[in-house]
Amino acid sequence: MPDLTMIAARAGGVYPQARVLDKLDGYARGQVVYEGVEMPNFGDLLTGRLDRVDLPGGRSRLLPEKIIALDAYLRSIQR
């Protein structure tokens, strides 16, 4: 399992928010994110009320607020 405190370090020192949100949102929607890797089924926990997230480049997207909270936590633990 990769060290989740090193996501930014592995991405050249910048937290790759759009990529992380794509993976979290894709998993919650049942898309294959890591083929061949067994992940716990927590998709139901990542649904619910939607909120808009501003992304780099002036883009934004609607995501479940639990995914937004998980992304904020991951950003907060980066070394």
C-alpha atoms as a PDB file:
ATOM      1  CA  MET A   1       0.000   0.000   0.000  1.00  0.00           C
ATOM      2  CA  PRO A   2       1.447   3.393  -0.924  1.00  0.00           C
ATOM      3  CA  ASP A   3       2.206   5.943   1.790  1.00  0.00           C
ATOM      4  CA  LEU A   4      -0.711   8.401   1.584  1.00  0.00           C
ATOM      5  CA  THR A   5       1.399  11.147   3.191  1.00  0.00           C
ATOM      6  CA  MET A   6       3.658  11.119   0.131  1.00  0.00           C
ATOM      7  CA  ILE A   7       1.097  11.679  -2.663  1.00  0.00           C
ATOM      8  CA  ALA A   8       2.414  15.175  -3.368  1.00  0.00           C
ATOM      9  CA  ALA A   9       6.053  14.055  -3.176  1.00  0.00           C
ATOM     10  CA  ARG A  10       5.403  11.313  -5.739  1.00  0.00           C
ATOM     11  CA  ALA A  11       3.756  13.910  -8.010  1.00  0.00           C
ATOM     12  CA  GLY A  12       6.741  16.254  -8.113  1.00  0.00           C
ATOM     13  CA  GLY A  13       5.957  18.157  -4.908  1.00  0.00           C
ATOM     14  CA  VAL A  14       2.448  19.340  -5.821  1.00  0.00           C
ATOM     15  CA  TYR A  15      -0.692  17.644  -4.513  1.00  0.00           C
ATOM     16  CA  PRO A  16      -2.510  16.339  -7.657  1.00  0.00           C
ATOM     17  CA  GLN A  17      -6.023  17.233  -6.511  1.00  0.00           C
ATOM     18  CA  ALA A  18      -7.814  16.616  -9.818  1.00  0.00           C
ATOM     19  CA  ARG A  19      -6.190  13.175 -10.194  1.00  0.00           C
ATOM     20  CA  VAL A  20      -6.998  12.208  -6.589  1.00  0.00           C
ATOM     21  CA  LEU A  21     -10.613  13.349  -6.946  1.00  0.00           C
ATOM     22  CA  ASP A  22     -10.941  11.414 -10.223  1.00  0.00           C
ATOM     23  CA  LYS A  23      -9.799   8.225  -8.487  1.00  0.00           C
ATOM     24  CA  LEU A  24     -11.999   8.695  -5.419  1.00  0.00           C
ATOM     25  CA  ASP A  25     -15.065   9.619  -7.460  1.00  0.00           C
ATOM     26  CA  GLY A  26     -14.469   6.811  -9.967  1.00  0.00           C
ATOM     27  CA  TYR A  27     -14.204   4.247  -7.206  1.00  0.00           C
ATOM     28  CA  ALA A  28     -17.393   5.526  -5.558  1.00  0.00           C
ATOM     29  CA  ARG A  29     -19.194   5.126  -8.881  1.00  0.00           C
ATOM     30  CA  GLY A  30     -17.968   1.556  -9.321  1.00  0.00           C
ATOM     31  CA  GLN A  31     -15.361   2.238 -12.009  1.00  0.00           C
ATOM     32  CA  VAL A  32     -12.188   0.154 -12.107  1.00  0.00           C
ATOM     33  CA  VAL A  33      -9.443   2.355 -10.718  1.00  0.00           C
ATOM     34  CA  TYR A  34      -6.814  -0.211  -9.820  1.00  0.00           C
ATOM     35  CA  GLU A  35      -7.431  -3.313 -11.877  1.00  0.00           C
ATOM     36  CA  GLY A  36      -6.475  -6.492 -10.038  1.00  0.00           C
ATOM     37  CA  VAL A  37      -6.262  -4.817  -6.613  1.00  0.00           C
ATOM     38  CA  GLU A  38      -8.886  -5.783  -4.086  1.00  0.00           C
ATOM     39  CA  MET A  39     -10.338  -2.705  -2.409  1.00  0.00           C
ATOM     40  CA  PRO A  40     -12.891  -2.557   0.406  1.00  0.00           C
ATOM     41  CA  ASN A  41     -16.412  -1.715  -0.719  1.00  0.00           C
ATOM     42  CA  PHE A  42     -17.046   1.720   0.755  1.00  0.00           C
ATOM     43  CA  GLY A  43     -18.728   3.288  -2.245  1.00  0.00           C
ATOM     44  CA  ASP A  44     -21.956   3.901  -0.313  1.00  0.00           C
ATOM     45  CA  LEU A  45     -20.003   6.047   2.133  1.00  0.00           C
ATOM     46  CA  LEU A  46     -18.872   8.300  -0.697  1.00  0.00           C
ATOM     47  CA  THR A  47     -22.305   9.290  -1.892  1.00  0.00           C
ATOM     48  CA  GLY A  48     -24.705  11.925  -0.639  1.00  0.00           C
ATOM     49  CA  ARG A  49     -25.096  15.662  -0.939  1.00  0.00           C
ATOM     50  CA  LEU A  50     -23.115  17.213  -3.775  1.00  0.00           C
ATOM     51  CA  ASP A  51     -20.927  20.280  -3.492  1.00  0.00           C
ATOM     52  CA  ARG A  52     -18.872  22.151  -6.089  1.00  0.00           C
ATOM     53  CA  VAL A  53     -15.063  21.909  -5.983  1.00  0.00           C
ATOM     54  CA  ASP A  54     -12.849  24.455  -7.728  1.00  0.00           C
ATOM     55  CA  LEU A  55     -10.006  22.804  -9.626  1.00  0.00           C
ATOM     56  CA  PRO A  56      -6.861  24.226 -11.210  1.00  0.00           C
ATOM     57  CA  GLY A  57      -7.318  25.939 -14.549  1.00  0.00           C
ATOM     58  CA  GLY A  58     -10.630  27.561 -13.621  1.00  0.00           C
ATOM     59  CA  ARG A  59     -12.515  24.277 -13.803  1.00  0.00           C
ATOM     60  CA  SER A  60     -14.951  22.977 -11.193  1.00  0.00           C
ATOM     61  CA  ARG A  61     -17.057  19.888 -10.663  1.00  0.00           C
ATOM     62  CA  LEU A  62     -19.809  18.553  -8.426  1.00  0.00           C
ATOM     63  CA  LEU A  63     -18.767  15.791  -6.039  1.00  0.00           C
ATOM     64  CA  PRO A  64     -20.250  14.129  -2.955  1.00  0.00           C
ATOM     65  CA  GLU A  65     -19.228  16.112   0.131  1.00  0.00           C
ATOM     66  CA  LYS A  66     -17.657  13.007   1.704  1.00  0.00           C
ATOM     67  CA  ILE A  67     -15.233  12.740  -1.226  1.00  0.00           C
ATOM     68  CA  ILE A  68     -14.397  16.428  -0.795  1.00  0.00           C
ATOM     69  CA  ALA A  69     -13.735  15.841   2.922  1.00  0.00           C
ATOM     70  CA  LEU A  70     -11.506  12.847   2.173  1.00  0.00           C
ATOM     71  CA  ASP A  71      -9.554  14.907  -0.360  1.00  0.00           C
ATOM     72  CA  ALA A  72      -9.104  17.710   2.207  1.00  0.00           C
ATOM     73  CA  TYR A  73      -7.799  15.185   4.743  1.00  0.00           C
ATOM     74  CA  LEU A  74      -5.345  13.697   2.240  1.00  0.00           C
ATOM     75  CA  ARG A  75      -4.070  17.195   1.392  1.00  0.00           C
ATOM     76  CA  SER A  76      -3.663  17.984   5.102  1.00  0.00           C
ATOM     77  CA  ILE A  77      -1.389  14.979   5.776  1.00  0.00           C
ATOM     78  CA  GLN A  78       1.085  15.589   2.956  1.00  0.00           C
ATOM     79  CA  ARG A  79       4.753  15.870   3.990  1.00  0.00           C
END
